[in-house]
Amino acid sequence: MEWAACLDEYEKLQIRMSTPRVVIDNVGCSDATRLLIDRARKHGFLLEAIQVLTDLNLSIRKAYICSDGRWFMDVFHVTDLNGNKLTDDAILGSIEKSLVTVHYGGSRTFQQASTVLELTGSDRVGLLSEIFAVLFNQQCNVVDAKVWTNNGRVAALIYITDESTGFPVVDSEKLSVIEGMLRNVLKGADDIHGAKTRVSLNVMIHAERRLHQLMFNDRDYETKNPATAAAAAAPCRGAPVVSVKNYLEKDYSVVNIHCSDRNKLLFDVVCTLTDMEYSVFHATVDTSENVATLEFFIRHMDGTPISSDAEKQRVVSCLGAAIERRVVLQGVRLELNAPDRIGLLADVMRTFRENGLNVATAEVSTQVGTARNVFCVTDMKGNPPDAKTIKSVRERVGWGSLKVTE
């Protein structure tokens, strides 16, 4: 490591202590690449490291987190999304560089060339159609968006530009009008939490982490109505099983999770534990045959374990919601690839609404004049839409543009 001439020996020691040491091992494991990260203990670093790996489209098959005093050793067994070991030197070099620069905030992703709308409120069929129609009528172009729904609530990050200039929307009067209109659209008739809108011109936080925070702050882990309560009480195939108990001998609280395996599962769980201000001291993660088993030894930031049954139940509810937010068990996945134009999303969402489709999750992006959007849709009752409805929607939007994918 080369040092700047202005650094003294104490500053160099601080950098050495705070910069993680990364070792990549492609020999010790037959079916995965091992990443060993040696680092000083710091709240949030584990989440940052996992965030780097998921953003690089890596699948974490196993993980071992172990602390000794104020030092941590993290071991991740990773593959690509097809389950293969990583052999490309360029990819391996990118992983090492990204993990080393976590300390300097290098893993954070954000949109600089757009205005960001943060929305939370009551979910319903046709909601996105109304949101995008408002933005279209206000001469705003949607360049990116992420939308999650869970337990009757919706959270969205929508990145917009001014239709006439292509630059971020900065007119405070116009933004105030947009906020008010969206707040009215989002608020349901029996909404006990209300709707919230917020405008930001420079977001420096990871988009999916921010969605977790928005839904957590909106308390989507609570039951909102009798219909939702009945559904929650009924056994659900594939629902996560979460338990919390205290390990009094070592002053830890132990969180155990058993659920279906999927991409970004570990990120979702650690994100929630971090934002609830728990520190992870030890952890094991194992995935086998599409089933994931996770165990975390945690404490509060002040070093104490969970002290009450009510807090344990809150952890169980929050982790269950975090796991389920991006999962749509009964949905159909639709991919839209079409030339981008003003009003495209408003038109597509209107077609969904007119055919009784509810959008459970959405990822919207534009690349070089092309819209690349992914929607998970259900019928009005949350069940898989029938083939006739999907066919009608595809005919309206365009067979070549809108496709059903796994």
Protein backbone atom coordinates (compact mmCIF):
# COMPACT_ATOMS: atom_id res chain seq x y z
CA MET A 1 0.00 0.00 0.00
CA GLU A 2 1.33 3.44 -1.00
CA TRP A 3 0.99 6.19 1.58
CA ALA A 4 0.44 9.91 0.99
CA ALA A 5 3.39 12.02 2.14
CA CYS A 6 1.16 14.01 4.51
CA LEU A 7 0.17 10.99 6.63
CA ASP A 8 1.90 10.39 9.95
CA GLU A 9 2.45 6.95 11.46
CA TYR A 10 -0.67 7.14 13.65
CA GLU A 11 -2.87 7.93 10.62
CA LYS A 12 -1.32 5.02 8.73
CA LEU A 13 -2.11 2.71 11.66
CA GLN A 14 -5.71 3.91 11.72
CA ILE A 15 -6.08 3.16 8.01
CA ARG A 16 -4.59 -0.31 8.45
CA MET A 17 -6.95 -1.03 11.35
CA SER A 18 -10.08 0.19 9.57
CA THR A 19 -9.41 -1.22 6.08
CA PRO A 20 -10.58 -4.83 5.68
CA ARG A 21 -8.15 -7.48 4.48
CA VAL A 22 -9.67 -9.67 1.76
CA VAL A 23 -8.47 -13.12 0.70
CA ILE A 24 -10.06 -14.99 -2.23
CA ASP A 25 -9.73 -18.79 -2.13
CA ASN A 26 -10.72 -20.85 -5.15
CA VAL A 27 -9.04 -24.07 -3.98
CA GLY A 28 -10.39 -24.90 -0.55
CA CYS A 29 -14.01 -25.46 -1.67
CA SER A 30 -15.08 -27.61 -4.61
CA ASP A 31 -18.37 -25.94 -5.51
CA ALA A 32 -17.94 -22.30 -4.47
CA THR A 33 -15.43 -19.48 -4.19
CA ARG A 34 -14.48 -18.58 -0.62
CA LEU A 35 -14.08 -14.96 0.43
CA LEU A 36 -12.33 -14.30 3.75
CA ILE A 37 -12.66 -10.81 5.18
CA ASP A 38 -10.55 -9.85 8.20
CA ARG A 39 -11.64 -6.59 9.80
CA ALA A 40 -12.13 -4.49 12.90
CA ARG A 41 -15.64 -4.67 14.36
CA LYS A 42 -17.79 -1.76 13.25
CA HIS A 43 -21.58 -1.51 13.25
CA GLY A 44 -22.94 -1.76 9.71
CA PHE A 45 -19.82 -3.18 8.07
CA LEU A 46 -21.31 -6.68 7.73
CA LEU A 47 -24.28 -5.23 5.87
CA GLU A 48 -21.99 -3.19 3.61
CA ALA A 49 -19.98 -6.30 2.69
CA ILE A 50 -23.11 -8.36 1.93
CA GLN A 51 -24.47 -5.43 -0.07
CA VAL A 52 -21.34 -5.42 -2.22
CA LEU A 53 -21.68 -9.14 -2.95
CA THR A 54 -25.38 -8.94 -3.86
CA ASP A 55 -24.85 -5.88 -6.06
CA LEU A 56 -22.21 -7.86 -7.96
CA ASN A 57 -24.90 -10.51 -8.68
CA LEU A 58 -23.31 -13.14 -6.46
CA SER A 59 -25.21 -15.83 -4.59
CA ILE A 60 -24.12 -16.45 -0.98
CA ARG A 61 -24.39 -20.20 -0.41
CA LYS A 62 -22.80 -20.35 3.05
CA ALA A 63 -21.46 -17.80 5.51
CA TYR A 64 -19.63 -17.86 8.84
CA ILE A 65 -19.36 -14.71 10.94
CA CYS A 66 -17.12 -14.87 14.01
CA SER A 67 -15.83 -12.18 16.39
CA ASP A 68 -12.92 -12.24 18.79
CA GLY A 69 -12.90 -9.14 20.95
CA ARG A 70 -13.03 -6.17 18.58
CA TRP A 71 -11.98 -8.16 15.51
CA PHE A 72 -14.11 -10.06 13.01
CA MET A 73 -13.50 -12.80 10.47
CA ASP A 74 -16.21 -13.20 7.85
CA VAL A 75 -16.19 -16.16 5.45
CA PHE A 76 -18.57 -16.27 2.49
CA HIS A 77 -19.02 -19.14 0.03
CA VAL A 78 -20.24 -17.49 -3.17
CA THR A 79 -21.18 -18.49 -6.71
CA ASP A 80 -22.65 -16.69 -9.69
CA LEU A 81 -26.43 -16.74 -10.06
CA ASN A 82 -26.18 -19.99 -12.03
CA GLY A 83 -24.39 -21.75 -9.14
CA ASN A 84 -20.91 -21.74 -10.69
CA LYS A 85 -17.59 -20.92 -9.04
CA LEU A 86 -16.00 -17.62 -9.96
CA THR A 87 -12.99 -18.04 -12.25
CA ASP A 88 -12.77 -14.79 -14.19
CA ASP A 89 -9.78 -12.81 -12.87
CA ALA A 90 -11.47 -9.50 -13.73
CA ILE A 91 -14.52 -10.41 -11.63
CA LEU A 92 -12.38 -11.63 -8.73
CA GLY A 93 -10.36 -8.41 -8.84
CA SER A 94 -13.54 -6.35 -8.85
CA ILE A 95 -14.84 -8.23 -5.79
CA GLU A 96 -11.63 -7.65 -3.85
CA LYS A 97 -11.48 -3.98 -4.76
CA SER A 98 -15.14 -3.41 -3.86
CA LEU A 99 -14.83 -5.12 -0.48
CA VAL A 100 -11.65 -3.23 0.42
CA THR A 101 -13.27 0.12 -0.41
CA VAL A 102 -16.35 -0.55 1.75
CA HIS A 103 -14.67 1.44 4.54
CA TYR A 104 -14.60 4.50 2.30
CA GLY A 105 -18.24 4.21 1.25
CA GLY A 106 -17.41 2.78 -2.14
CA SER A 107 -20.29 0.28 -2.12
CA ARG A 108 -23.07 2.84 -2.01
CA THR A 109 -25.12 3.32 -5.13
CA PHE A 110 -27.24 6.33 -5.97
CA GLN A 111 -28.84 8.34 -8.75
CA GLN A 112 -27.26 11.79 -9.26
CA ALA A 113 -29.06 12.95 -12.40
CA SER A 114 -32.64 12.79 -11.13
CA THR A 115 -35.01 13.85 -8.40
CA VAL A 116 -36.05 11.05 -6.05
CA LEU A 117 -39.57 10.59 -4.72
CA GLU A 118 -39.97 8.41 -1.61
CA LEU A 119 -43.53 7.18 -1.19
CA THR A 120 -45.35 5.03 1.38
CA GLY A 121 -49.05 4.41 1.78
CA SER A 122 -51.93 1.99 1.46
CA ASP A 123 -51.69 -0.51 -1.42
CA ARG A 124 -54.57 -1.22 -3.79
CA VAL A 125 -55.22 -2.38 -7.35
CA GLY A 126 -54.44 0.38 -9.84
CA LEU A 127 -52.34 2.45 -7.45
CA LEU A 128 -49.24 2.56 -9.66
CA SER A 129 -51.40 3.53 -12.62
CA GLU A 130 -52.59 6.60 -10.72
CA ILE A 131 -49.08 7.48 -9.48
CA PHE A 132 -47.51 7.35 -12.93
CA ALA A 133 -50.48 9.20 -14.43
CA VAL A 134 -49.90 12.07 -11.97
CA LEU A 135 -46.22 12.24 -12.91
CA PHE A 136 -47.04 12.14 -16.63
CA ASN A 137 -49.57 14.97 -16.25
CA GLN A 138 -46.95 17.01 -14.38
CA GLN A 139 -44.52 16.63 -17.31
CA CYS A 140 -42.17 14.31 -15.39
CA ASN A 141 -40.29 11.43 -16.97
CA VAL A 142 -39.73 8.30 -14.84
CA VAL A 143 -36.18 7.05 -15.48
CA ASP A 144 -35.96 4.46 -12.68
CA ALA A 145 -38.21 3.08 -9.97
CA LYS A 146 -38.43 0.33 -7.38
CA VAL A 147 -41.73 -0.64 -5.76
CA TRP A 148 -42.43 -3.18 -2.99
CA THR A 149 -45.74 -4.14 -1.40
CA ASN A 150 -46.37 -6.12 1.77
CA ASN A 151 -49.25 -6.57 4.19
CA GLY A 152 -51.45 -3.97 2.51
CA ARG A 153 -48.70 -1.32 2.39
CA VAL A 154 -46.58 0.00 -0.48
CA ALA A 155 -43.17 1.67 -0.59
CA ALA A 156 -41.64 3.19 -3.70
CA LEU A 157 -38.53 5.00 -4.84
CA ILE A 158 -39.21 6.84 -8.10
CA TYR A 159 -36.46 8.71 -9.95
CA ILE A 160 -37.78 11.49 -12.19
CA THR A 161 -36.50 14.16 -14.54
CA ASP A 162 -38.14 17.19 -16.08
CA GLU A 163 -39.71 16.22 -19.41
CA SER A 164 -38.63 19.43 -21.14
CA THR A 165 -35.00 19.58 -19.95
CA GLY A 166 -34.06 16.00 -19.04
CA PHE A 167 -32.55 17.29 -15.79
CA PRO A 168 -33.70 16.80 -12.17
CA VAL A 169 -36.90 18.58 -11.16
CA VAL A 170 -35.82 21.45 -8.90
CA ASP A 171 -38.81 23.82 -9.02
CA SER A 172 -39.97 23.84 -5.38
CA GLU A 173 -43.51 24.91 -6.26
CA LYS A 174 -43.88 22.12 -8.81
CA LEU A 175 -42.44 19.55 -6.38
CA SER A 176 -44.86 20.71 -3.68
CA VAL A 177 -47.80 20.20 -6.04
CA ILE A 178 -46.52 16.72 -7.00
CA GLU A 179 -46.08 15.75 -3.33
CA GLY A 180 -49.60 16.83 -2.45
CA MET A 181 -51.20 15.03 -5.38
CA LEU A 182 -49.28 11.80 -4.71
CA ARG A 183 -50.13 11.95 -1.02
CA ASN A 184 -53.84 12.08 -1.90
CA VAL A 185 -53.44 9.17 -4.31
CA LEU A 186 -51.59 7.05 -1.74
CA LYS A 187 -53.90 7.56 1.20
CA GLY A 188 -56.54 4.82 1.48
CA ALA A 189 -60.01 5.33 2.90
CA ASP A 190 -59.27 3.27 6.04
CA ASP A 191 -55.55 4.09 6.24
CA ILE A 192 -54.61 4.36 9.92
CA HIS A 193 -50.96 5.20 9.18
CA GLY A 194 -51.53 7.72 6.43
CA ALA A 195 -49.46 8.34 3.34
CA LYS A 196 -46.02 9.92 3.24
CA THR A 197 -44.12 11.55 0.40
CA ARG A 198 -40.61 12.96 0.44
CA VAL A 199 -38.48 14.60 -2.24
CA SER A 200 -34.70 14.34 -2.40
CA LEU A 201 -32.30 15.79 -4.96
CA ASN A 202 -29.33 13.67 -3.92
CA VAL A 203 -29.80 10.22 -2.40
CA MET A 204 -26.61 8.63 -1.07
CA ILE A 205 -28.10 5.36 0.14
CA HIS A 206 -28.57 1.96 -1.40
CA ALA A 207 -32.04 1.82 -3.01
CA GLU A 208 -33.12 -1.57 -1.65
CA ARG A 209 -31.88 -0.73 1.83
CA ARG A 210 -33.90 2.48 1.66
CA LEU A 211 -37.01 0.48 0.67
CA HIS A 212 -36.52 -1.72 3.74
CA GLN A 213 -36.26 1.39 5.89
CA LEU A 214 -39.38 2.95 4.38
CA MET A 215 -41.47 -0.18 4.96
CA PHE A 216 -40.06 -0.67 8.45
CA ASN A 217 -40.86 2.94 9.38
CA ASP A 218 -44.34 2.44 7.90
CA ARG A 219 -44.74 -0.62 10.16
CA ASP A 220 -45.69 -3.04 7.40
CA TYR A 221 -44.90 -5.86 9.85
CA GLU A 222 -48.10 -5.05 11.76
CA THR A 223 -51.49 -6.49 10.78
CA LYS A 224 -53.69 -3.74 9.34
CA ASN A 225 -57.15 -5.24 8.89
CA PRO A 226 -59.24 -8.36 9.68
CA ALA A 227 -58.74 -9.83 6.19
CA THR A 228 -54.97 -9.56 6.51
CA ALA A 229 -55.11 -10.96 10.03
CA ALA A 230 -57.02 -14.03 8.84
CA ALA A 231 -54.52 -14.61 6.05
CA ALA A 232 -51.61 -14.25 8.46
CA ALA A 233 -53.14 -16.71 10.90
CA ALA A 234 -53.60 -19.38 8.23
CA PRO A 235 -50.67 -21.71 7.46
CA CYS A 236 -48.73 -20.48 4.46
CA ARG A 237 -46.59 -22.76 2.40
CA GLY A 238 -43.08 -21.37 2.20
CA ALA A 239 -43.61 -18.81 4.98
CA PRO A 240 -40.43 -18.13 7.01
CA VAL A 241 -40.12 -19.62 10.49
CA VAL A 242 -38.36 -17.19 12.85
CA SER A 243 -37.57 -17.71 16.52
CA VAL A 244 -35.69 -15.70 19.15
CA LYS A 245 -34.29 -16.98 22.43
CA ASN A 246 -31.71 -15.76 24.92
CA TYR A 247 -28.38 -17.48 25.49
CA LEU A 248 -27.97 -16.26 29.07
CA GLU A 249 -24.59 -17.86 29.68
CA LYS A 250 -22.97 -15.59 27.09
CA ASP A 251 -25.45 -12.67 27.16
CA TYR A 252 -26.52 -13.13 23.54
CA SER A 253 -29.93 -13.29 21.92
CA VAL A 254 -30.08 -16.05 19.30
CA VAL A 255 -32.19 -15.57 16.15
CA ASN A 256 -32.98 -18.67 14.09
CA ILE A 257 -34.54 -18.48 10.63
CA HIS A 258 -35.71 -21.35 8.42
CA CYS A 259 -37.19 -20.47 5.04
CA SER A 260 -37.02 -20.98 1.29
CA ASP A 261 -33.70 -19.92 -0.17
CA ARG A 262 -33.58 -17.08 -2.69
CA ASN A 263 -31.25 -14.42 -3.97
CA LYS A 264 -30.55 -11.50 -1.58
CA LEU A 265 -32.06 -13.30 1.41
CA LEU A 266 -29.05 -12.64 3.66
CA PHE A 267 -29.00 -8.98 2.65
CA ASP A 268 -32.67 -8.55 3.60
CA VAL A 269 -32.20 -10.14 7.03
CA VAL A 270 -28.97 -8.34 7.97
CA CYS A 271 -30.36 -5.04 6.67
CA THR A 272 -33.27 -5.29 9.10
CA LEU A 273 -31.13 -6.34 12.07
CA THR A 274 -28.77 -3.42 11.37
CA ASP A 275 -31.54 -0.84 11.05
CA MET A 276 -33.13 -2.15 14.27
CA GLU A 277 -29.74 -1.36 15.88
CA TYR A 278 -28.66 -4.89 16.72
CA SER A 279 -25.03 -5.95 16.37
CA VAL A 280 -24.27 -9.38 14.93
CA PHE A 281 -21.37 -11.07 16.78
CA HIS A 282 -21.58 -14.60 15.37
CA ALA A 283 -23.62 -16.10 12.55
CA THR A 284 -23.90 -19.15 10.33
CA VAL A 285 -25.76 -19.38 7.04
CA ASP A 286 -26.35 -22.60 5.15
CA THR A 287 -28.37 -23.21 1.99
CA SER A 288 -29.20 -26.63 0.64
CA GLU A 289 -31.82 -27.79 -1.86
CA ASN A 290 -33.53 -24.37 -1.97
CA VAL A 291 -33.83 -24.21 1.83
CA ALA A 292 -31.96 -21.69 3.95
CA THR A 293 -31.06 -21.99 7.63
CA LEU A 294 -29.67 -18.89 9.34
CA GLU A 295 -28.55 -18.34 12.93
CA PHE A 296 -27.44 -15.02 14.43
CA PHE A 297 -26.03 -14.21 17.86
CA ILE A 298 -26.96 -10.57 18.47
CA ARG A 299 -26.93 -7.84 21.09
CA HIS A 300 -28.17 -4.30 21.36
CA MET A 301 -25.70 -1.54 20.53
CA ASP A 302 -25.02 -1.16 24.27
CA GLY A 303 -24.00 -4.83 24.52
CA THR A 304 -27.15 -6.19 26.19
CA PRO A 305 -29.40 -9.02 24.87
CA ILE A 306 -33.12 -8.71 24.16
CA SER A 307 -34.86 -8.24 27.48
CA SER A 308 -38.59 -8.85 26.94
CA ASP A 309 -40.99 -11.21 25.19
CA ALA A 310 -42.61 -8.24 23.45
CA GLU A 311 -39.29 -7.25 21.90
CA LYS A 312 -38.65 -10.84 20.81
CA GLN A 313 -42.03 -10.91 19.06
CA ARG A 314 -41.24 -7.61 17.35
CA VAL A 315 -37.98 -9.04 16.02
CA VAL A 316 -39.85 -12.11 14.74
CA SER A 317 -42.46 -9.94 12.98
CA CYS A 318 -39.91 -7.54 11.49
CA LEU A 319 -37.66 -10.28 10.12
CA GLY A 320 -40.64 -12.16 8.69
CA ALA A 321 -41.75 -9.00 6.88
CA ALA A 322 -38.22 -8.32 5.61
CA ILE A 323 -38.02 -11.80 4.09
CA GLU A 324 -41.43 -11.55 2.42
CA ARG A 325 -41.28 -8.00 0.99
CA ARG A 326 -39.69 -8.91 -2.31
CA VAL A 327 -41.33 -12.35 -2.63
CA VAL A 328 -44.60 -12.78 -4.53
CA LEU A 329 -45.58 -16.44 -4.14
CA GLN A 330 -48.74 -16.26 -6.25
CA GLY A 331 -47.61 -13.82 -8.92
CA VAL A 332 -46.64 -13.87 -12.58
CA ARG A 333 -43.42 -12.15 -13.66
CA LEU A 334 -43.69 -9.88 -16.68
CA GLU A 335 -40.74 -8.25 -18.43
CA LEU A 336 -41.21 -5.15 -20.55
CA ASN A 337 -38.52 -4.25 -23.07
CA ALA A 338 -39.55 -1.41 -25.34
CA PRO A 339 -38.27 1.89 -26.75
CA ASP A 340 -38.55 4.46 -23.98
CA ARG A 341 -41.00 7.33 -24.41
CA ILE A 342 -42.82 9.86 -22.27
CA GLY A 343 -45.94 8.28 -20.78
CA LEU A 344 -44.93 4.65 -21.46
CA LEU A 345 -45.30 3.59 -17.81
CA ALA A 346 -48.61 5.42 -17.43
CA ASP A 347 -49.98 3.58 -20.46
CA VAL A 348 -48.74 0.15 -19.32
CA MET A 349 -50.03 0.64 -15.77
CA ARG A 350 -53.43 1.72 -17.10
CA THR A 351 -53.59 -1.48 -19.17
CA PHE A 352 -52.79 -3.54 -16.06
CA ARG A 353 -55.50 -1.75 -14.06
CA GLU A 354 -58.16 -2.10 -16.76
CA ASN A 355 -57.49 -5.86 -16.81
CA GLY A 356 -57.68 -6.22 -13.02
CA LEU A 357 -53.96 -6.83 -12.46
CA ASN A 358 -52.30 -5.69 -9.24
CA VAL A 359 -48.57 -4.90 -9.31
CA ALA A 360 -46.93 -6.50 -6.25
CA THR A 361 -43.35 -5.48 -7.07
CA ALA A 362 -41.81 -3.40 -9.83
CA GLU A 363 -38.34 -2.53 -11.06
CA VAL A 364 -38.16 0.16 -13.69
CA SER A 365 -35.02 1.24 -15.53
CA THR A 366 -34.04 2.97 -18.75
CA GLN A 367 -30.85 2.25 -20.65
CA VAL A 368 -29.81 4.05 -23.83
CA GLY A 369 -33.36 4.91 -24.83
CA THR A 370 -34.77 1.47 -23.94
CA ALA A 371 -37.16 0.77 -21.07
CA ARG A 372 -36.31 -2.45 -19.22
CA ASN A 373 -38.99 -3.09 -16.61
CA VAL A 374 -39.93 -6.10 -14.49
CA PHE A 375 -43.33 -6.49 -12.81
CA CYS A 376 -44.73 -9.21 -10.54
CA VAL A 377 -48.50 -9.14 -10.93
CA THR A 378 -51.46 -10.88 -9.29
CA ASP A 379 -55.22 -10.66 -9.68
CA MET A 380 -57.31 -8.43 -7.43
CA LYS A 381 -57.38 -11.09 -4.69
CA GLY A 382 -53.65 -11.77 -4.71
CA ASN A 383 -53.93 -14.99 -6.71
CA PRO A 384 -52.16 -15.87 -9.97
CA PRO A 385 -53.88 -14.10 -12.89
CA ASP A 386 -55.46 -16.40 -15.45
CA ALA A 387 -53.85 -17.00 -18.83
CA LYS A 388 -56.66 -15.17 -20.67
CA THR A 389 -55.97 -11.96 -18.76
CA ILE A 390 -52.22 -12.16 -19.37
CA LYS A 391 -52.86 -12.75 -23.07
CA SER A 392 -55.14 -9.71 -23.26
CA VAL A 393 -52.56 -7.50 -21.56
CA ARG A 394 -49.76 -8.68 -23.84
CA GLU A 395 -51.90 -8.02 -26.91
CA ARG A 396 -52.51 -4.44 -25.74
CA VAL A 397 -48.91 -3.68 -24.78
CA GLY A 398 -47.28 -5.67 -27.59
CA TRP A 399 -46.34 -9.35 -27.83
CA GLY A 400 -42.71 -8.60 -28.56
CA SER A 401 -42.40 -6.00 -25.79
CA LEU A 402 -44.10 -7.73 -22.84
CA LYS A 403 -43.10 -11.30 -22.02
CA VAL A 404 -43.81 -13.79 -19.25
CA THR A 405 -40.62 -15.01 -17.55
CA GLU A 406 -39.75 -17.45 -14.79
